C-alpha atoms as a PDB file:
ATOM      1  CA  MET A   1     -42.970  47.682  -3.945  1.00  0.00           C
ATOM      2  CA  THR A   2     -43.875  51.031  -2.210  1.00  0.00           C
ATOM      3  CA  THR A   3     -46.269  53.244  -3.008  1.00  0.00           C
ATOM      4  CA  GLU A   4     -46.281  56.811  -2.333  1.00  0.00           C
ATOM      5  CA  ASN A   5     -49.001  58.082  -0.452  1.00  0.00           C
ATOM      6  CA  PRO A   6     -51.788  60.908  -2.316  1.00  0.00           C
ATOM      7  CA  ALA A   7     -50.805  64.035  -1.250  1.00  0.00           C
ATOM      8  CA  PRO A   8     -53.930  66.093   0.787  1.00  0.00           C
ATOM      9  CA  ARG A   9     -56.916  67.745  -1.040  1.00  0.00           C
ATOM     10  CA  VAL A  10     -57.797  71.015   0.687  1.00  0.00           C
ATOM     11  CA  ALA A  11     -61.045  73.290  -0.470  1.00  0.00           C
ATOM     12  CA  LEU A  12     -60.698  76.052   0.220  1.00  0.00           C
ATOM     13  CA  ALA A  13     -64.350  77.440  -0.235  1.00  0.00           C
ATOM     14  CA  THR A  14     -66.052  79.814  -1.582  1.00  0.00           C
ATOM     15  CA  CYS A  15     -69.158  82.011  -3.446  1.00  0.00           C
ATOM     16  CA  SER A  16     -70.428  82.114  -6.558  1.00  0.00           C
ATOM     17  CA  VAL A  17     -69.728  85.852  -6.955  1.00  0.00           C
ATOM     18  CA  LEU A  18     -66.022  84.896  -6.230  1.00  0.00           C
ATOM     19  CA  PRO A  19     -65.501  81.761  -8.411  1.00  0.00           C
ATOM     20  CA  HIS A  20     -62.039  81.800  -8.052  1.00  0.00           C
ATOM     21  CA  LEU A  21     -61.489  82.944  -4.742  1.00  0.00           C
ATOM     22  CA  ASP A  22     -60.761  87.334  -3.813  1.00  0.00           C
ATOM     23  CA  PRO A  23     -57.308  87.670  -4.719  1.00  0.00           C
ATOM     24  CA  ASP A  24     -55.526  88.466  -1.568  1.00  0.00           C
ATOM     25  CA  ASP A  25     -56.049  84.022  -1.293  1.00  0.00           C
ATOM     26  CA  ALA A  26     -55.977  83.162  -3.797  1.00  0.00           C
ATOM     27  CA  PRO A  27     -52.072  82.475  -3.784  1.00  0.00           C
ATOM     28  CA  LEU A  28     -53.379  80.111  -0.668  1.00  0.00           C
ATOM     29  CA  VAL A  29     -53.560  77.617  -3.569  1.00  0.00           C
ATOM     30  CA  ARG A  30     -49.863  77.795  -4.575  1.00  0.00           C
ATOM     31  CA  ALA A  31     -48.473  78.325  -0.986  1.00  0.00           C
ATOM     32  CA  LEU A  32     -49.706  74.565   0.023  1.00  0.00           C
ATOM     33  CA  GLU A  33     -49.088  73.149  -3.506  1.00  0.00           C
ATOM     34  CA  THR A  34     -45.838  73.535  -2.563  1.00  0.00           C
ATOM     35  CA  ARG A  35     -46.643  71.940   1.491  1.00  0.00           C
ATOM     36  CA  GLY A  36     -47.737  69.138  -0.305  1.00  0.00           C
ATOM     37  CA  VAL A  37     -51.394  69.669  -0.181  1.00  0.00           C
ATOM     38  CA  THR A  38     -53.850  69.881  -3.170  1.00  0.00           C
ATOM     39  CA  ALA A  39     -55.807  72.733  -3.065  1.00  0.00           C
ATOM     40  CA  GLU A  40     -59.519  72.839  -4.735  1.00  0.00           C
ATOM     41  CA  VAL A  41     -61.802  76.004  -4.417  1.00  0.00           C
ATOM     42  CA  ALA A  42     -65.253  75.319  -4.542  1.00  0.00           C
ATOM     43  CA  VAL A  43     -68.242  77.389  -4.726  1.00  0.00           C
ATOM     44  CA  TRP A  44     -70.165  76.887  -0.931  1.00  0.00           C
ATOM     45  CA  ASP A  45     -73.691  76.308  -1.970  1.00  0.00           C
ATOM     46  CA  ASP A  46     -72.669  73.601  -5.616  1.00  0.00           C
ATOM     47  CA  PRO A  47     -74.936  70.484  -4.873  1.00  0.00           C
ATOM     48  CA  ASP A  48     -72.268  68.917  -7.053  1.00  0.00           C
ATOM     49  CA  VAL A  49     -69.162  69.585  -4.760  1.00  0.00           C
ATOM     50  CA  ASP A  50     -68.172  65.814  -2.282  1.00  0.00           C
ATOM     51  CA  TRP A  51     -67.078  67.499   0.468  1.00  0.00           C
ATOM     52  CA  ASP A  52     -66.247  64.076   1.621  1.00  0.00           C
ATOM     53  CA  ALA A  53     -63.443  64.177  -0.339  1.00  0.00           C
ATOM     54  CA  TYR A  54     -61.688  66.953   0.548  1.00  0.00           C
ATOM     55  CA  ALA A  55     -58.730  65.811   4.122  1.00  0.00           C
ATOM     56  CA  ALA A  56     -60.433  69.481   5.074  1.00  0.00           C
ATOM     57  CA  VAL A  57     -62.493  72.209   3.809  1.00  0.00           C
ATOM     58  CA  VAL A  58     -61.418  75.852   4.996  1.00  0.00           C
ATOM     59  CA  VAL A  59     -64.214  78.840   4.991  1.00  0.00           C
ATOM     60  CA  ARG A  60     -62.822  81.711   3.136  1.00  0.00           C
ATOM     61  CA  SER A  61     -64.633  84.252   0.990  1.00  0.00           C
ATOM     62  CA  THR A  62     -67.866  82.911   0.720  1.00  0.00           C
ATOM     63  CA  TRP A  63     -69.460  86.162   1.727  1.00  0.00           C
ATOM     64  CA  ASP A  64     -72.915  85.956  -0.088  1.00  0.00           C
ATOM     65  CA  TYR A  65     -74.422  83.714   3.155  1.00  0.00           C
ATOM     66  CA  SER A  66     -76.151  86.362   5.430  1.00  0.00           C
ATOM     67  CA  ALA A  67     -79.158  86.529   2.736  1.00  0.00           C
ATOM     68  CA  ARG A  68     -79.618  82.500   3.685  1.00  0.00           C
ATOM     69  CA  ARG A  69     -77.825  82.529   7.357  1.00  0.00           C
ATOM     70  CA  ASP A  70     -79.773  78.636   8.303  1.00  0.00           C
ATOM     71  CA  ASP A  71     -78.796  77.415   4.527  1.00  0.00           C
ATOM     72  CA  TYR A  72     -75.357  78.060   5.389  1.00  0.00           C
ATOM     73  CA  VAL A  73     -75.408  76.899   8.538  1.00  0.00           C
ATOM     74  CA  ALA A  74     -76.874  73.883   7.411  1.00  0.00           C
ATOM     75  CA  TRP A  75     -73.845  73.242   4.541  1.00  0.00           C
ATOM     76  CA  ALA A  76     -71.685  73.756   7.566  1.00  0.00           C
ATOM     77  CA  ALA A  77     -73.076  70.864   9.096  1.00  0.00           C
ATOM     78  CA  ARG A  78     -73.110  68.382   6.816  1.00  0.00           C
ATOM     79  CA  VAL A  79     -69.778  68.828   6.071  1.00  0.00           C
ATOM     80  CA  PRO A  80     -66.606  66.789   7.210  1.00  0.00           C
ATOM     81  CA  ARG A  81     -64.299  68.109   8.524  1.00  0.00           C
ATOM     82  CA  LEU A  82     -64.885  72.071   7.679  1.00  0.00           C
ATOM     83  CA  LEU A  83     -61.927  75.125   9.472  1.00  0.00           C
ATOM     84  CA  ASN A  84     -63.068  76.932  10.457  1.00  0.00           C
ATOM     85  CA  SER A  85     -65.961  74.504  12.954  1.00  0.00           C
ATOM     86  CA  GLU A  86     -70.205  74.436  11.387  1.00  0.00           C
ATOM     87  CA  ARG A  87     -69.812  75.281  15.393  1.00  0.00           C
ATOM     88  CA  VAL A  88     -67.691  78.087  15.484  1.00  0.00           C
ATOM     89  CA  LEU A  89     -70.224  78.883  11.796  1.00  0.00           C
ATOM     90  CA  ARG A  90     -73.367  78.589  14.120  1.00  0.00           C
ATOM     91  CA  TRP A  91     -71.665  81.077  16.940  1.00  0.00           C
ATOM     92  CA  ASN A  92     -70.455  83.716  15.530  1.00  0.00           C
ATOM     93  CA  THR A  93     -73.039  84.380  12.320  1.00  0.00           C
ATOM     94  CA  ASP A  94     -74.945  85.281  14.572  1.00  0.00           C
ATOM     95  CA  LYS A  95     -73.706  89.261  16.456  1.00  0.00           C
ATOM     96  CA  GLY A  96     -75.974  88.085  19.202  1.00  0.00           C
ATOM     97  CA  TYR A  97     -72.522  86.336  20.380  1.00  0.00           C
ATOM     98  CA  LEU A  98     -71.758  90.953  21.502  1.00  0.00           C
ATOM     99  CA  ARG A  99     -73.458  89.330  24.771  1.00  0.00           C
ATOM    100  CA  ASP A 100     -71.090  86.778  25.066  1.00  0.00           C
ATOM    101  CA  LEU A 101     -68.684  88.377  24.996  1.00  0.00           C
ATOM    102  CA  ASP A 102     -70.086  91.304  27.215  1.00  0.00           C
ATOM    103  CA  ALA A 103     -71.480  89.047  29.608  1.00  0.00           C
ATOM    104  CA  ALA A 104     -68.303  87.525  30.311  1.00  0.00           C
ATOM    105  CA  GLY A 105     -66.740  91.650  30.651  1.00  0.00           C
ATOM    106  CA  VAL A 106     -64.896  92.212  27.407  1.00  0.00           C
ATOM    107  CA  PRO A 107     -65.586  96.006  26.511  1.00  0.00           C
ATOM    108  CA  THR A 108     -67.603  96.122  23.138  1.00  0.00           C
ATOM    109  CA  ILE A 109     -69.621  99.201  22.311  1.00  0.00           C
ATOM    110  CA  PRO A 110     -73.470  99.376  23.651  1.00  0.00           C
ATOM    111  CA  THR A 111     -76.119  97.702  22.001  1.00  0.00           C
ATOM    112  CA  LEU A 112     -79.462  97.803  21.830  1.00  0.00           C
ATOM    113  CA  TRP A 113     -80.911  94.773  20.191  1.00  0.00           C
ATOM    114  CA  LEU A 114     -84.409  95.207  18.223  1.00  0.00           C
ATOM    115  CA  ASP A 115     -86.770  91.851  17.642  1.00  0.00           C
ATOM    116  CA  PRO A 116     -88.973  91.338  14.559  1.00  0.00           C
ATOM    117  CA  GLU A 117     -91.372  88.834  16.653  1.00  0.00           C
ATOM    118  CA  ARG A 118     -92.398  92.858  18.743  1.00  0.00           C
ATOM    119  CA  ASN A 119     -93.606  94.511  15.462  1.00  0.00           C
ATOM    120  CA  LEU A 120     -91.864  97.957  16.593  1.00  0.00           C
ATOM    121  CA  SER A 121     -93.787 100.630  15.104  1.00  0.00           C
ATOM    122  CA  SER A 122     -92.332 103.606  14.032  1.00  0.00           C
ATOM    123  CA  ARG A 123     -93.200 105.316  17.740  1.00  0.00           C
ATOM    124  CA  ALA A 124     -91.355 102.717  19.194  1.00  0.00           C
ATOM    125  CA  ILE A 125     -88.439 102.697  17.040  1.00  0.00           C
ATOM    126  CA  HIS A 126     -87.506 106.247  17.587  1.00  0.00           C
ATOM    127  CA  THR A 127     -87.706 106.288  21.178  1.00  0.00           C
ATOM    128  CA  ARG A 128     -85.520 103.748  21.330  1.00  0.00           C
ATOM    129  CA  LEU A 129     -83.262 105.021  19.042  1.00  0.00           C
ATOM    130  CA  PRO A 130     -80.172 107.464  21.066  1.00  0.00           C
ATOM    131  CA  ALA A 131     -80.982 111.112  22.213  1.00  0.00           C
ATOM    132  CA  GLN A 132     -77.842 112.187  21.604  1.00  0.00           C
ATOM    133  CA  GLY A 133     -74.842 111.737  19.079  1.00  0.00           C
ATOM    134  CA  ASP A 134     -74.070 110.295  15.790  1.00  0.00           C
ATOM    135  CA  PHE A 135     -75.400 106.077  16.082  1.00  0.00           C
ATOM    136  CA  VAL A 136     -74.919 103.387  13.260  1.00  0.00           C
ATOM    137  CA  ILE A 137     -78.134 100.446  12.700  1.00  0.00           C
ATOM    138  CA  LYS A 138     -76.859  96.876  11.603  1.00  0.00           C
ATOM    139  CA  PRO A 139     -78.587  93.841  11.287  1.00  0.00           C
ATOM    140  CA  VAL A 140     -77.449  90.973  13.530  1.00  0.00           C
ATOM    141  CA  VAL A 141     -76.710  88.823  10.145  1.00  0.00           C
ATOM    142  CA  SER A 142     -74.571  90.742   8.852  1.00  0.00           C
ATOM    143  CA  ALA A 143     -71.108  90.103   6.768  1.00  0.00           C
ATOM    144  CA  GLY A 144     -69.299  93.853   5.676  1.00  0.00           C
ATOM    145  CA  ALA A 145     -70.780  96.038   6.448  1.00  0.00           C
ATOM    146  CA  LYS A 146     -73.746  95.856   4.098  1.00  0.00           C
ATOM    147  CA  ASP A 147     -76.744  97.563   5.173  1.00  0.00           C
ATOM    148  CA  THR A 148     -75.099  99.226   7.595  1.00  0.00           C
ATOM    149  CA  GLY A 149     -76.003 103.019   8.139  1.00  0.00           C
ATOM    150  CA  ARG A 150     -75.103 106.107  10.411  1.00  0.00           C
ATOM    151  CA  TYR A 151     -77.119 108.235  11.148  1.00  0.00           C
ATOM    152  CA  GLN A 152     -77.668 111.620  13.198  1.00  0.00           C
ATOM    153  CA  SER A 153     -79.469 111.454  16.606  1.00  0.00           C
ATOM    154  CA  GLY A 154     -80.734 115.271  16.844  1.00  0.00           C
ATOM    155  CA  GLU A 155     -81.443 116.132  13.083  1.00  0.00           C
ATOM    156  CA  ALA A 156     -85.301 115.259  12.208  1.00  0.00           C
ATOM    157  CA  HIS A 157     -84.989 113.499   8.825  1.00  0.00           C
ATOM    158  CA  SER A 158     -81.751 111.611   9.278  1.00  0.00           C
ATOM    159  CA  ARG A 159     -83.160 110.050  12.643  1.00  0.00           C
ATOM    160  CA  GLY A 160     -85.768 109.521   9.999  1.00  0.00           C
ATOM    161  CA  LEU A 161     -84.233 107.923   7.440  1.00  0.00           C
ATOM    162  CA  ALA A 162     -82.899 105.799  10.687  1.00  0.00           C
ATOM    163  CA  ILE A 163     -86.530 104.312  11.465  1.00  0.00           C
ATOM    164  CA  GLN A 164     -87.072 103.276   8.728  1.00  0.00           C
ATOM    165  CA  HIS A 165     -84.072 101.268   7.583  1.00  0.00           C
ATOM    166  CA  ALA A 166     -84.884  99.553  10.952  1.00  0.00           C
ATOM    167  CA  LYS A 167     -88.159  98.515  10.076  1.00  0.00           C
ATOM    168  CA  ASN A 168     -87.159  97.801   6.761  1.00  0.00           C
ATOM    169  CA  LEU A 169     -85.178  95.494   8.805  1.00  0.00           C
ATOM    170  CA  LEU A 170     -87.106  94.374  10.989  1.00  0.00           C
ATOM    171  CA  ALA A 171     -90.226  94.092   8.108  1.00  0.00           C
ATOM    172  CA  SER A 172     -87.995  91.327   5.949  1.00  0.00           C
ATOM    173  CA  GLY A 173     -87.678  89.410   9.501  1.00  0.00           C
ATOM    174  CA  ARG A 174     -84.357  90.846  10.815  1.00  0.00           C
ATOM    175  CA  GLU A 175     -82.705  91.229  14.025  1.00  0.00           C
ATOM    176  CA  VAL A 176     -81.808  94.822  14.476  1.00  0.00           C
ATOM    177  CA  MET A 177     -78.931  96.078  16.122  1.00  0.00           C
ATOM    178  CA  VAL A 178     -78.582  99.953  17.350  1.00  0.00           C
ATOM    179  CA  GLN A 179     -74.546 100.975  18.827  1.00  0.00           C
ATOM    180  CA  PRO A 180     -73.440 103.917  18.845  1.00  0.00           C
ATOM    181  CA  TYR A 181     -71.145 105.543  16.475  1.00  0.00           C
ATOM    182  CA  VAL A 182     -67.642 105.586  17.585  1.00  0.00           C
ATOM    183  CA  THR A 183     -66.270 108.771  16.722  1.00  0.00           C
ATOM    184  CA  SER A 184     -62.448 107.878  16.446  1.00  0.00           C
ATOM    185  CA  VAL A 185     -62.695 105.730  13.517  1.00  0.00           C
ATOM    186  CA  ASP A 186     -63.064 109.065  11.984  1.00  0.00           C
ATOM    187  CA  THR A 187     -59.703 109.948  12.803  1.00  0.00           C
ATOM    188  CA  ALA A 188     -57.514 105.892  14.352  1.00  0.00           C
ATOM    189  CA  GLY A 189     -59.428 103.739  12.159  1.00  0.00           C
ATOM    190  CA  GLU A 190     -60.501 100.411  13.182  1.00  0.00           C
ATOM    191  CA  ALA A 191     -57.341  97.808  14.228  1.00  0.00           C
ATOM    192  CA  ARG A 192     -58.017  94.352  12.971  1.00  0.00           C
ATOM    193  CA  LEU A 193     -56.308  91.826  14.585  1.00  0.00           C
ATOM    194  CA  VAL A 194     -55.424  88.559  12.415  1.00  0.00           C
ATOM    195  CA  PHE A 195     -54.929  85.414  14.548  1.00  0.00           C
ATOM    196  CA  LEU A 196     -53.883  81.716  13.089  1.00  0.00           C
ATOM    197  CA  ASP A 197     -53.618  78.713  15.278  1.00  0.00           C
ATOM    198  CA  GLY A 198     -54.548  81.366  18.486  1.00  0.00           C
ATOM    199  CA  LYS A 199     -51.314  83.179  17.690  1.00  0.00           C
ATOM    200  CA  HIS A 200     -51.237  86.732  16.828  1.00  0.00           C
ATOM    201  CA  SER A 201     -49.913  87.089  12.625  1.00  0.00           C
ATOM    202  CA  HIS A 202     -50.595  90.809  11.939  1.00  0.00           C
ATOM    203  CA  THR A 203     -52.729  93.607  12.058  1.00  0.00           C
ATOM    204  CA  VAL A 204     -54.191  96.241   9.197  1.00  0.00           C
ATOM    205  CA  ARG A 205     -56.272  99.227   9.748  1.00  0.00           C
ATOM    206  CA  ASN A 206     -58.982 100.262   7.887  1.00  0.00           C
ATOM    207  CA  ASN A 207     -59.703 103.966   7.383  1.00  0.00           C
ATOM    208  CA  ALA A 208     -62.698 103.510   5.692  1.00  0.00           C
ATOM    209  CA  HIS A 209     -65.834 104.561   7.962  1.00  0.00           C
ATOM    210  CA  LEU A 210     -69.610 105.282   7.383  1.00  0.00           C
ATOM    211  CA  THR A 211     -70.495 108.349   6.583  1.00  0.00           C
ATOM    212  CA  GLY A 212     -74.569 108.255   6.426  1.00  0.00           C
ATOM    213  CA  PRO A 213     -76.846 106.831   5.660  1.00  0.00           C
ATOM    214  CA  HIS A 214     -77.466 102.881   4.423  1.00  0.00           C
ATOM    215  CA  ARG A 215     -77.393 103.079   0.467  1.00  0.00           C
ATOM    216  CA  PRO A 216     -78.163  99.587  -1.209  1.00  0.00           C
ATOM    217  CA  THR A 217     -74.546  98.204  -1.453  1.00  0.00           C
ATOM    218  CA  ARG A 218     -73.052  96.759  -5.054  1.00  0.00           C
ATOM    219  CA  GLY A 219     -71.441  94.207  -5.004  1.00  0.00           C
ATOM    220  CA  LEU A 220     -70.961  91.828  -1.917  1.00  0.00           C
ATOM    221  CA  TYR A 221     -69.318  94.545   0.676  1.00  0.00           C
ATOM    222  CA  PRO A 222     -68.414  98.266   0.424  1.00  0.00           C
ATOM    223  CA  GLN A 223     -64.674  98.627  -0.760  1.00  0.00           C
ATOM    224  CA  GLU A 224     -62.406  99.686   2.086  1.00  0.00           C
ATOM    225  CA  ARG A 225     -58.319 101.078   2.500  1.00  0.00           C
ATOM    226  CA  MET A 226     -56.562  99.074   4.425  1.00  0.00           C
ATOM    227  CA  THR A 227     -52.972  99.127   5.869  1.00  0.00           C
ATOM    228  CA  ALA A 228     -50.468  97.222   7.794  1.00  0.00           C
ATOM    229  CA  VAL A 229     -50.382  98.988  11.226  1.00  0.00           C
ATOM    230  CA  GLU A 230     -48.462  97.390  14.612  1.00  0.00           C
ATOM    231  CA  ALA A 231     -50.943  96.396  17.109  1.00  0.00           C
ATOM    232  CA  SER A 232     -50.675  98.125  21.049  1.00  0.00           C
ATOM    233  CA  ASP A 233     -50.304  95.604  23.728  1.00  0.00           C
ATOM    234  CA  GLU A 234     -53.193  96.164  25.254  1.00  0.00           C
ATOM    235  CA  GLN A 235     -55.139  95.890  21.803  1.00  0.00           C
ATOM    236  CA  VAL A 236     -53.424  92.381  21.797  1.00  0.00           C
ATOM    237  CA  GLU A 237     -54.728  90.928  25.979  1.00  0.00           C
ATOM    238  CA  VAL A 238     -58.129  92.020  24.045  1.00  0.00           C
ATOM    239  CA  ALA A 239     -58.502  90.093  21.453  1.00  0.00           C
ATOM    240  CA  ARG A 240     -57.061  87.262  23.192  1.00  0.00           C
ATOM    241  CA  ARG A 241     -59.545  87.903  26.318  1.00  0.00           C
ATOM    242  CA  THR A 242     -62.231  87.925  23.078  1.00  0.00           C
ATOM    243  CA  LEU A 243     -60.731  84.684  21.405  1.00  0.00           C
ATOM    244  CA  GLN A 244     -60.395  82.886  24.979  1.00  0.00           C
ATOM    245  CA  VAL A 245     -64.614  83.744  25.376  1.00  0.00           C
ATOM    246  CA  ALA A 246     -65.246  81.958  22.209  1.00  0.00           C
ATOM    247  CA  ALA A 247     -63.529  79.191  22.383  1.00  0.00           C
ATOM    248  CA  ASP A 248     -65.021  78.683  26.206  1.00  0.00           C
ATOM    249  CA  ALA A 249     -68.545  78.912  24.408  1.00  0.00           C
ATOM    250  CA  VAL A 250     -67.557  76.760  21.451  1.00  0.00           C
ATOM    251  CA  ALA A 251     -64.191  75.280  21.288  1.00  0.00           C
ATOM    252  CA  ASP A 252     -64.305  73.177  25.036  1.00  0.00           C
ATOM    253  CA  GLY A 253     -61.480  76.287  25.822  1.00  0.00           C
ATOM    254  CA  ASP A 254     -59.145  75.617  23.363  1.00  0.00           C
ATOM    255  CA  ALA A 255     -58.486  79.522  21.795  1.00  0.00           C
ATOM    256  CA  SER A 256     -55.832  77.498  19.445  1.00  0.00           C
ATOM    257  CA  SER A 257     -58.267  75.395  17.724  1.00  0.00           C
ATOM    258  CA  PHE A 258     -59.621  78.459  15.258  1.00  0.00           C
ATOM    259  CA  LEU A 259     -57.459  78.326  12.272  1.00  0.00           C
ATOM    260  CA  TYR A 260     -57.873  81.749  11.695  1.00  0.00           C
ATOM    261  CA  ALA A 261     -59.871  84.541  13.646  1.00  0.00           C
ATOM    262  CA  ARG A 262     -60.056  88.307  13.486  1.00  0.00           C
ATOM    263  CA  VAL A 263     -60.697  90.866  16.130  1.00  0.00           C
ATOM    264  CA  ASP A 264     -61.721  93.988  14.655  1.00  0.00           C
ATOM    265  CA  ILE A 265     -60.959  96.920  17.621  1.00  0.00           C
ATOM    266  CA  VAL A 266     -61.466 100.689  18.148  1.00  0.00           C
ATOM    267  CA  THR A 267     -61.075 103.131  20.300  1.00  0.00           C
ATOM    268  CA  GLY A 268     -63.444 103.508  23.342  1.00  0.00           C
ATOM    269  CA  ASP A 269     -64.065 107.617  23.905  1.00  0.00           C
ATOM    270  CA  ASP A 270     -61.565 107.237  27.214  1.00  0.00           C
ATOM    271  CA  GLY A 271     -59.130 106.113  24.900  1.00  0.00           C
ATOM    272  CA  ALA A 272     -59.326 102.102  25.410  1.00  0.00           C
ATOM    273  CA  PRO A 273     -59.802  99.017  23.586  1.00  0.00           C
ATOM    274  CA  VAL A 274     -63.463  98.380  22.176  1.00  0.00           C
ATOM    275  CA  VAL A 275     -64.240  95.060  20.538  1.00  0.00           C
ATOM    276  CA  ILE A 276     -66.703  95.971  17.390  1.00  0.00           C
ATOM    277  CA  GLU A 277     -66.797  92.276  16.123  1.00  0.00           C
ATOM    278  CA  LEU A 278     -64.837  89.380  15.979  1.00  0.00           C
ATOM    279  CA  GLU A 279     -64.375  87.180  12.636  1.00  0.00           C
ATOM    280  CA  LEU A 280     -64.718  83.508  12.483  1.00  0.00           C
ATOM    281  CA  THR A 281     -66.596  82.805   9.949  1.00  0.00           C
ATOM    282  CA  GLU A 282     -65.025  83.647   6.413  1.00  0.00           C
ATOM    283  CA  PRO A 283     -62.881  86.692   7.120  1.00  0.00           C
ATOM    284  CA  SER A 284     -60.569  88.402   5.211  1.00  0.00           C
ATOM    285  CA  LEU A 285     -57.580  88.143   6.458  1.00  0.00           C
ATOM    286  CA  PHE A 286     -55.024  90.396   4.400  1.00  0.00           C
ATOM    287  CA  LEU A 287     -52.399  88.052   3.750  1.00  0.00           C
ATOM    288  CA  SER A 288     -50.192  90.236   1.127  1.00  0.00           C
ATOM    289  CA  LEU A 289     -49.788  92.807   3.908  1.00  0.00           C
ATOM    290  CA  ALA A 290     -47.705  91.418   5.738  1.00  0.00           C
ATOM    291  CA  PRO A 291     -44.576  89.852   4.926  1.00  0.00           C
ATOM    292  CA  GLY A 292     -44.757  85.433   5.896  1.00  0.00           C
ATOM    293  CA  ALA A 293     -48.820  85.433   6.480  1.00  0.00           C
ATOM    294  CA  LEU A 294     -48.785  83.630   3.532  1.00  0.00           C
ATOM    295  CA  ASP A 295     -46.976  81.070   4.293  1.00  0.00           C
ATOM    296  CA  ARG A 296     -48.691  80.628   8.197  1.00  0.00           C
ATOM    297  CA  PHE A 297     -51.384  80.117   6.795  1.00  0.00           C
ATOM    298  CA  ALA A 298     -50.630  77.860   4.123  1.00  0.00           C
ATOM    299  CA  ASP A 299     -48.160  76.200   6.914  1.00  0.00           C
ATOM    300  CA  ALA A 300     -51.377  75.946   9.199  1.00  0.00           C
ATOM    301  CA  ILE A 301     -53.695  74.726   6.885  1.00  0.00           C
ATOM    302  CA  ALA A 302     -50.760  71.923   5.995  1.00  0.00           C
ATOM    303  CA  ALA A 303     -49.962  70.844   9.838  1.00  0.00           C
ATOM    304  CA  ARG A 304     -53.579  69.944   9.988  1.00  0.00           C
ATOM    305  CA  VAL A 305     -53.814  67.409   6.889  1.00  0.00           C
ATOM    306  CA  GLY A 306     -50.970  66.054   8.281  1.00  0.00           C
ATOM    307  CA  THR A 307     -48.391  67.371   6.540  1.00  0.00           C
ATOM    308  CA  ASP A 308     -46.396  69.691   8.560  1.00  0.00           C
END
């Protein structure tokens, strides 16, 4: 008499605000079931969850972590078989990773970093802000453009709001990024290239853009408008270079070890692609906007738990 092996169990990690996953990810449960995988949704900071019971834990909509990054990284360190891994999440949840990309020659937006330990005065912040053009202020640890604002360098009131925004972030102990605003976002939007198992799956365009100073966000993140698009060969190449740098930093050089990845790209003043962010932690993957994307993601997860 033989006993069938039980279906492997996979946890899809989310946050308490989205206890049933983001709607875009919800169909993943059924897609995994059809592949012989029992998928269960679990809130990442729920103390009653037995993470050891799962063949894998796939990080999805854990979008409330930014205010508690230390707790989040500590959780990731306790979870065996985490996808993507704790090493990846630790590196990617602090946008200081942009320094690594820049040092490796990946085109990124020039960034000024303000350290809260410097105790910068209003005047010191003022002298560090751009003298021309619009610019963006955001914390180094953030998700979904939360706590982010756009300001005008030559307009006194706007500049004053920028200084106060930076001061508030610094006073709360958060490192701050100051970047020039890329004006092409207003017309061309932002391309978001999604990779599964290191392979380019699909691309969407974010048509939303920052319109003014920081305001408190209702919910986990500002609403965005997405449309499916085709990425250019140049965009895909820049995205691949970005993933390779990340892999060299935290994945022993193997970009295919990333279960999922998203590279967000804008167009620079010279018309060339520029990386604005690399999302290896909990990115929206926009599975519903690309035919076959849900199946590709489910296949990738199933393969990692041995049902391929």
